Protein backbone atom coordinates (compact mmCIF):
# COMPACT_ATOMS: atom_id res chain seq x y z
CA UNK A 1 14.81 15.68 19.66
CA UNK A 2 16.98 12.47 17.66
CA UNK A 3 14.84 10.46 15.75
CA UNK A 4 14.93 6.82 17.09
CA UNK A 5 16.29 4.25 14.79
CA UNK A 6 15.13 0.35 14.70
CA UNK A 7 17.90 -1.71 15.69
CA UNK A 8 16.32 -5.14 14.81
CA UNK A 9 18.39 -8.13 15.92
CA UNK A 10 20.64 -9.87 13.56
CA UNK A 11 19.35 -12.68 11.17
CA UNK A 12 19.18 -16.45 12.91
CA UNK A 13 20.24 -18.99 10.35
CA UNK A 14 19.56 -16.70 7.57
CA UNK A 15 16.08 -15.42 9.11
CA UNK A 16 15.16 -11.81 9.55
CA UNK A 17 12.65 -11.25 12.61
CA UNK A 18 9.36 -9.81 12.41
CA UNK A 19 8.71 -6.87 14.33
CA UNK A 20 5.42 -5.62 16.08
CA UNK A 21 4.79 -2.51 18.26
CA UNK A 22 2.55 -2.37 21.07
CA UNK A 23 -0.50 -0.69 21.19
CA UNK A 24 -2.10 1.08 24.10
CA UNK A 25 -4.07 -2.05 25.67
CA UNK A 26 -4.85 -3.92 28.85
CA UNK A 27 -2.61 -6.90 28.25
CA UNK A 28 -0.81 -7.96 31.74
CA UNK A 29 1.92 -10.34 29.93
CA UNK A 30 3.72 -10.60 26.67
CA UNK A 31 2.37 -14.04 26.17
CA UNK A 32 -1.08 -12.07 26.70
CA UNK A 33 -0.63 -9.71 24.07
CA UNK A 34 1.07 -11.93 21.14
CA UNK A 35 -2.23 -14.24 21.98
CA UNK A 36 -4.44 -10.80 20.69
CA UNK A 37 -2.06 -9.54 18.54
CA UNK A 38 -1.49 -13.49 16.65
CA UNK A 39 -5.49 -14.66 17.58
CA UNK A 40 -4.62 -17.72 14.64
CA UNK A 41 -1.20 -19.04 16.24
CA UNK A 42 -2.17 -21.38 18.99
CA UNK A 43 -0.95 -20.20 22.60
CA UNK A 44 0.92 -22.91 23.12
CA UNK A 45 2.93 -22.34 19.96
CA UNK A 46 4.23 -18.93 21.19
CA UNK A 47 4.70 -20.73 24.71
CA UNK A 48 7.05 -22.51 23.06
CA UNK A 49 8.64 -19.37 21.05
CA UNK A 50 8.89 -17.25 24.38
CA UNK A 51 10.46 -20.35 26.12
CA UNK A 52 12.75 -21.17 23.60
CA UNK A 53 14.19 -17.11 23.05
CA UNK A 54 12.34 -16.38 19.78
CA UNK A 55 10.99 -13.31 21.07
CA UNK A 56 13.30 -9.75 22.06
CA UNK A 57 13.08 -6.42 22.72
CA UNK A 58 14.51 -3.09 20.37
CA UNK A 59 17.58 -3.68 22.53
CA UNK A 60 18.11 -7.79 22.01
CA UNK A 61 17.22 -9.04 25.11
CA UNK A 62 15.04 -11.97 25.40
CA UNK A 63 11.49 -11.31 26.32
CA UNK A 64 9.47 -13.77 28.51
CA UNK A 65 6.26 -14.72 28.64
CA UNK A 66 5.07 -13.51 31.69
CA UNK A 67 6.70 -9.96 30.93
CA UNK A 68 4.44 -6.95 30.86
CA UNK A 69 3.98 -5.14 27.62
CA UNK A 70 4.98 -1.43 27.42
CA UNK A 71 3.25 0.97 25.25
CA UNK A 72 5.36 1.83 22.01
CA UNK A 73 7.48 -1.07 22.83
CA UNK A 74 9.20 -2.58 19.56
CA UNK A 75 9.12 -6.52 19.99
CA UNK A 76 10.87 -8.85 17.76
CA UNK A 77 10.25 -12.48 17.05
CA UNK A 78 11.72 -15.09 14.51
CA UNK A 79 9.23 -17.20 12.68
CA UNK A 80 8.64 -21.06 13.45
CA UNK A 81 9.37 -22.76 10.15
CA UNK A 82 8.25 -25.93 10.02
CA UNK A 83 9.87 -28.54 7.45
CA UNK A 84 9.76 -27.25 4.21
CA UNK A 85 10.54 -29.01 0.74
CA UNK A 86 13.90 -28.55 -0.32
CA UNK A 87 15.06 -26.99 -3.71
CA UNK A 88 17.84 -29.10 -4.52
CA UNK A 89 19.41 -26.28 -7.19
CA UNK A 90 21.53 -23.72 -5.70
CA UNK A 91 22.20 -20.19 -6.43
CA UNK A 92 25.71 -18.80 -7.88
CA UNK A 93 27.11 -15.27 -6.45
CA UNK A 94 28.40 -13.42 -9.94
CA UNK A 95 29.37 -10.22 -8.69
CA UNK A 96 29.61 -8.26 -5.38
CA UNK A 97 30.73 -4.90 -4.02
CA UNK A 98 29.90 -2.84 -1.01
CA UNK A 99 26.21 -2.20 -2.54
CA UNK A 100 25.59 -4.43 -4.86
CA UNK A 101 24.79 -7.88 -5.07
CA UNK A 102 24.11 -9.96 -8.18
CA UNK A 103 23.09 -13.49 -8.31
CA UNK A 104 22.44 -16.62 -10.87
CA UNK A 105 19.19 -17.84 -9.43
CA UNK A 106 18.08 -21.35 -9.82
CA UNK A 107 14.46 -22.51 -11.03
CA UNK A 108 12.21 -23.49 -8.44
CA UNK A 109 13.76 -21.43 -5.78
CA UNK A 110 11.59 -18.23 -4.52
CA UNK A 111 13.66 -15.33 -3.88
CA UNK A 112 11.93 -14.03 -0.64
CA UNK A 113 9.82 -16.03 1.79
CA UNK A 114 6.40 -16.96 1.35
CA UNK A 115 4.11 -19.45 1.80
CA UNK A 116 5.40 -22.56 2.69
CA UNK A 117 8.93 -21.49 1.96
CA UNK A 118 11.39 -19.55 4.53
CA UNK A 119 14.58 -21.13 4.66
CA UNK A 120 14.59 -22.68 1.04
CA UNK A 121 14.56 -19.44 -0.31
CA UNK A 122 17.43 -17.01 -2.18
CA UNK A 123 17.26 -14.28 0.44
CA UNK A 124 17.81 -16.40 3.56
CA UNK A 125 20.16 -18.89 1.66
CA UNK A 126 22.42 -16.03 0.89
CA UNK A 127 21.57 -14.01 4.37
CA UNK A 128 22.97 -16.87 6.10
CA UNK A 129 25.82 -17.42 3.59
CA UNK A 130 27.27 -14.14 3.66
CA UNK A 131 26.58 -13.12 7.30
CA UNK A 132 24.52 -10.23 6.14
CA UNK A 133 21.85 -8.43 8.22
CA UNK A 134 21.49 -5.82 5.81
CA UNK A 135 20.79 -7.86 2.40
CA UNK A 136 17.38 -6.97 0.41
CA UNK A 137 16.63 -7.73 -3.56
CA UNK A 138 16.14 -4.86 -5.33
CA UNK A 139 13.30 -6.85 -7.83
CA UNK A 140 11.61 -10.00 -7.88
CA UNK A 141 11.70 -12.69 -10.56
CA UNK A 142 9.31 -15.74 -10.40
CA UNK A 143 9.79 -18.97 -8.32
CA UNK A 144 9.50 -20.51 -11.34
CA UNK A 145 12.21 -18.63 -13.58
CA UNK A 146 15.83 -18.95 -13.53
CA UNK A 147 18.66 -15.88 -13.94
CA UNK A 148 19.26 -12.65 -12.50
CA UNK A 149 18.21 -11.33 -9.37
CA UNK A 150 20.28 -7.70 -7.94
CA UNK A 151 20.53 -7.11 -4.45
CA UNK A 152 21.11 -4.27 -2.43
CA UNK A 153 23.82 -5.08 0.56
CA UNK A 154 23.69 -1.13 1.58
CA UNK A 155 20.45 0.07 3.01
CA UNK A 156 22.04 4.05 2.71
CA UNK A 157 22.03 3.30 -1.28
CA UNK A 158 19.44 0.95 -2.01
CA UNK A 159 16.94 3.49 -3.31
CA UNK A 160 19.27 4.60 -5.44
CA UNK A 161 19.37 0.97 -7.50
CA UNK A 162 15.75 0.41 -6.55
CA UNK A 163 14.82 4.27 -8.45
CA UNK A 164 16.26 2.47 -11.72
CA UNK A 165 13.61 0.14 -11.98
CA UNK A 166 10.88 2.22 -10.78
CA UNK A 167 12.16 4.44 -13.76
CA UNK A 168 12.47 1.79 -16.30
CA UNK A 169 16.17 2.18 -16.32
CA UNK A 170 16.75 -1.28 -16.95
CA UNK A 171 17.26 -3.05 -19.61
CA UNK A 172 16.28 -6.50 -18.99
CA UNK A 173 16.59 -9.24 -21.33
CA UNK A 174 14.44 -12.86 -21.09
CA UNK A 175 15.12 -16.00 -22.99
CA UNK A 176 12.05 -18.33 -23.12
CA UNK A 177 11.47 -21.10 -25.67
CA UNK A 178 8.19 -22.07 -26.96
CA UNK A 179 6.29 -23.39 -30.09
CA UNK A 180 7.51 -21.72 -33.42
CA UNK A 181 5.08 -19.93 -35.64
CA UNK A 182 6.68 -18.14 -38.34
CA UNK A 183 3.06 -16.51 -39.58
CA UNK A 184 3.25 -14.18 -36.61
CA UNK A 185 4.99 -10.35 -37.66
CA UNK A 186 8.32 -10.68 -35.99
CA UNK A 187 9.69 -8.92 -33.98
CA UNK A 188 6.09 -8.51 -31.71
CA UNK A 189 5.46 -5.49 -29.38
CA UNK A 190 2.93 -6.74 -26.91
CA UNK A 191 1.30 -3.48 -25.30
CA UNK A 192 -1.54 -4.30 -22.97
CA UNK A 193 -3.24 -4.01 -19.66
CA UNK A 194 -2.44 -7.14 -17.44
CA UNK A 195 -4.53 -7.70 -14.19
CA UNK A 196 -5.31 -10.26 -12.02
CA UNK A 197 -7.22 -12.93 -14.11
CA UNK A 198 -10.42 -15.26 -13.11
CA UNK A 199 -7.92 -17.12 -10.41
CA UNK A 200 -6.16 -15.73 -8.07
CA UNK A 201 -2.78 -17.43 -9.34
CA UNK A 202 -3.27 -15.93 -12.65
CA UNK A 203 -2.67 -12.61 -14.63
CA UNK A 204 -4.94 -11.44 -17.54
CA UNK A 205 -4.71 -9.36 -20.36
CA UNK A 206 -7.62 -6.84 -19.64
CA UNK A 207 -9.44 -3.94 -21.52
CA UNK A 208 -8.06 -0.32 -20.19
CA UNK A 209 -4.76 1.28 -20.56
CA UNK A 210 -1.73 -0.42 -21.35
CA UNK A 211 0.71 -1.24 -18.10
CA UNK A 212 2.86 -3.95 -19.47
CA UNK A 213 5.19 -3.78 -22.99
CA UNK A 214 7.27 -6.28 -23.92
CA UNK A 215 9.30 -6.66 -27.55
CA UNK A 216 9.85 -10.44 -28.18
CA UNK A 217 11.46 -12.13 -31.54
CA UNK A 218 12.66 -15.42 -31.94
CA UNK A 219 16.15 -16.16 -31.88
CA UNK A 220 16.48 -19.47 -33.48
CA UNK A 221 13.79 -22.91 -34.18
CA UNK A 222 14.10 -26.50 -35.08
CA UNK A 223 10.30 -26.34 -37.01
CA UNK A 224 8.88 -26.73 -33.69
CA UNK A 225 10.17 -25.15 -30.73
CA UNK A 226 11.81 -22.00 -30.93
CA UNK A 227 14.51 -19.07 -28.47
CA UNK A 228 12.64 -16.36 -28.32
CA UNK A 229 14.45 -13.20 -26.56
CA UNK A 230 12.08 -11.23 -24.75
CA UNK A 231 12.60 -7.88 -23.67
CA UNK A 232 9.61 -6.30 -21.21
CA UNK A 233 9.84 -2.44 -20.18
CA UNK A 234 7.38 -2.94 -17.24
CA UNK A 235 7.58 -5.42 -14.55
CA UNK A 236 3.69 -7.05 -14.06
CA UNK A 237 3.26 -9.90 -12.45
CA UNK A 238 3.67 -12.59 -14.95
CA UNK A 239 4.11 -10.59 -17.51
CA UNK A 240 6.13 -12.03 -20.23
CA UNK A 241 4.30 -15.53 -19.32
CA UNK A 242 0.62 -13.63 -20.32
CA UNK A 243 2.19 -11.92 -22.98
CA UNK A 244 3.50 -15.13 -24.68
CA UNK A 245 0.51 -16.90 -23.79
CA UNK A 246 -1.52 -14.51 -25.40
CA UNK A 247 -0.19 -15.07 -28.87
CA UNK A 248 -0.71 -18.93 -28.80
CA UNK A 249 2.91 -19.33 -27.65
CA UNK A 250 3.03 -21.00 -24.29
CA UNK A 251 6.32 -21.04 -22.32
CA UNK A 252 7.19 -24.54 -22.47
CA UNK A 253 6.44 -26.04 -18.60
CA UNK A 254 4.42 -23.53 -17.51
CA UNK A 255 2.51 -24.68 -15.23
CA UNK A 256 0.41 -21.54 -14.37
CA UNK A 257 -0.61 -20.55 -18.49
CA UNK A 258 -2.74 -22.03 -20.33
CA UNK A 259 -4.08 -24.30 -17.62
CA UNK A 260 -2.95 -23.95 -13.69
CA UNK A 261 -1.82 -26.81 -12.22
CA UNK A 262 -2.52 -28.32 -9.35
CA UNK A 263 -0.15 -26.97 -6.52
CA UNK A 264 2.52 -29.23 -5.65
CA UNK A 265 2.81 -30.46 -9.05
CA UNK A 266 6.05 -29.10 -9.73
CA UNK A 267 8.35 -31.57 -11.51
CA UNK A 268 11.98 -30.52 -11.06
CA UNK A 269 12.83 -32.30 -14.08
CA UNK A 270 11.20 -29.73 -16.25
CA UNK A 271 11.08 -26.08 -15.49
CA UNK A 272 9.92 -23.41 -17.08
CA UNK A 273 11.94 -22.62 -19.43
CA UNK A 274 12.17 -18.96 -19.04
CA UNK A 275 15.56 -16.97 -18.09
CA UNK A 276 16.28 -13.37 -16.98
CA UNK A 277 19.25 -13.70 -19.09
CA UNK A 278 20.73 -10.25 -18.74
CA UNK A 279 20.60 -6.69 -17.29
CA UNK A 280 22.55 -3.59 -17.90
CA UNK A 281 21.86 0.00 -16.55
CA UNK A 282 23.86 2.56 -15.55
CA UNK A 283 25.28 2.79 -12.46
CA UNK A 284 24.05 5.66 -9.96
CA UNK A 285 26.51 5.87 -7.63
CA UNK A 286 29.64 5.78 -10.50
CA UNK A 287 28.36 6.46 -13.75
CA UNK A 288 29.68 3.46 -15.21
CA UNK A 289 27.83 1.37 -17.45
CA UNK A 290 27.00 -2.39 -16.13
CA UNK A 291 25.92 -5.11 -17.45
CA UNK A 292 25.35 -8.89 -16.21
CA UNK A 293 24.73 -11.76 -18.04
CA UNK A 294 23.74 -15.45 -16.45
CA UNK A 295 25.75 -18.53 -16.78
CA UNK A 296 22.67 -20.69 -16.79
CA UNK A 297 20.96 -22.47 -20.20
CA UNK A 298 17.46 -23.53 -20.64
CA UNK A 299 17.55 -26.77 -20.70
CA UNK A 300 15.62 -27.34 -24.00
CA UNK A 301 17.76 -25.79 -25.78
CA UNK A 302 20.32 -28.34 -26.96
CA UNK A 303 17.24 -29.36 -29.63
CA UNK A 304 17.37 -25.63 -31.45
CA UNK A 305 19.93 -25.13 -34.09
CA UNK A 306 18.46 -23.43 -36.66
CA UNK A 307 19.57 -19.46 -36.22
CA UNK A 308 17.31 -16.94 -37.85
CA UNK A 309 18.49 -13.74 -39.22
């Protein structure tokens, strides 16, 4: 028997649909099922979404609110996106082939939809620009961080690139600006365990087997601030921010470390001074050595002029 392969409908305005499979149940209508399945969404909202044609079946046909749900049926629905804050900074495509997309992400732009950001995310913007139904990020960087992000364009080869990150076979280099401390024993290898901290938004170094390794060295300074090169081996959440903060050198413009600022207080004039500056790896398809560098520059860099040996 041939295996069924889902064929979701194309994105709308860059937004991919979500999918739900109908379990066995006694719902008379699709509206009844969605009202049960998503009980935190007002029934009136689902009425509007059915009327707008925002619910379709696995063949792409519009599902009516009064349609009977069928056990095992795949139903796709498009998220209702309210007005969201506009991010007045824009991405730049650095490289594209049949499999790989390399993008320079600006500060403040999330990579994927989450919370109040859907359309104003790198994935949705690129999906709309490229009219792609197969685009997917291979790795992530924080919303506050700028720089290089890799995307897959071909599902058949996606895992080959994702495996590079799982196997720590990618050389990632970041630049950060923080307070200058010449008394520390540079370069430093910070090898610690990172886990959720006292607040769910924060991570912290904790006791236990190390799961995060970062090499940190200063490149230049101005007696007060320094430009640091950070090379993480792992990809723990907020790893670079946590390691710099643990050294007493929180990254300039950080609204999470050492103190958590109120949600929504991001200042577009003072971005986090952290940049995913370059990424290098051996291409798993061709064996070619790849290296991509960001074209962006940290805004505070112009004041840091003294090179270090």
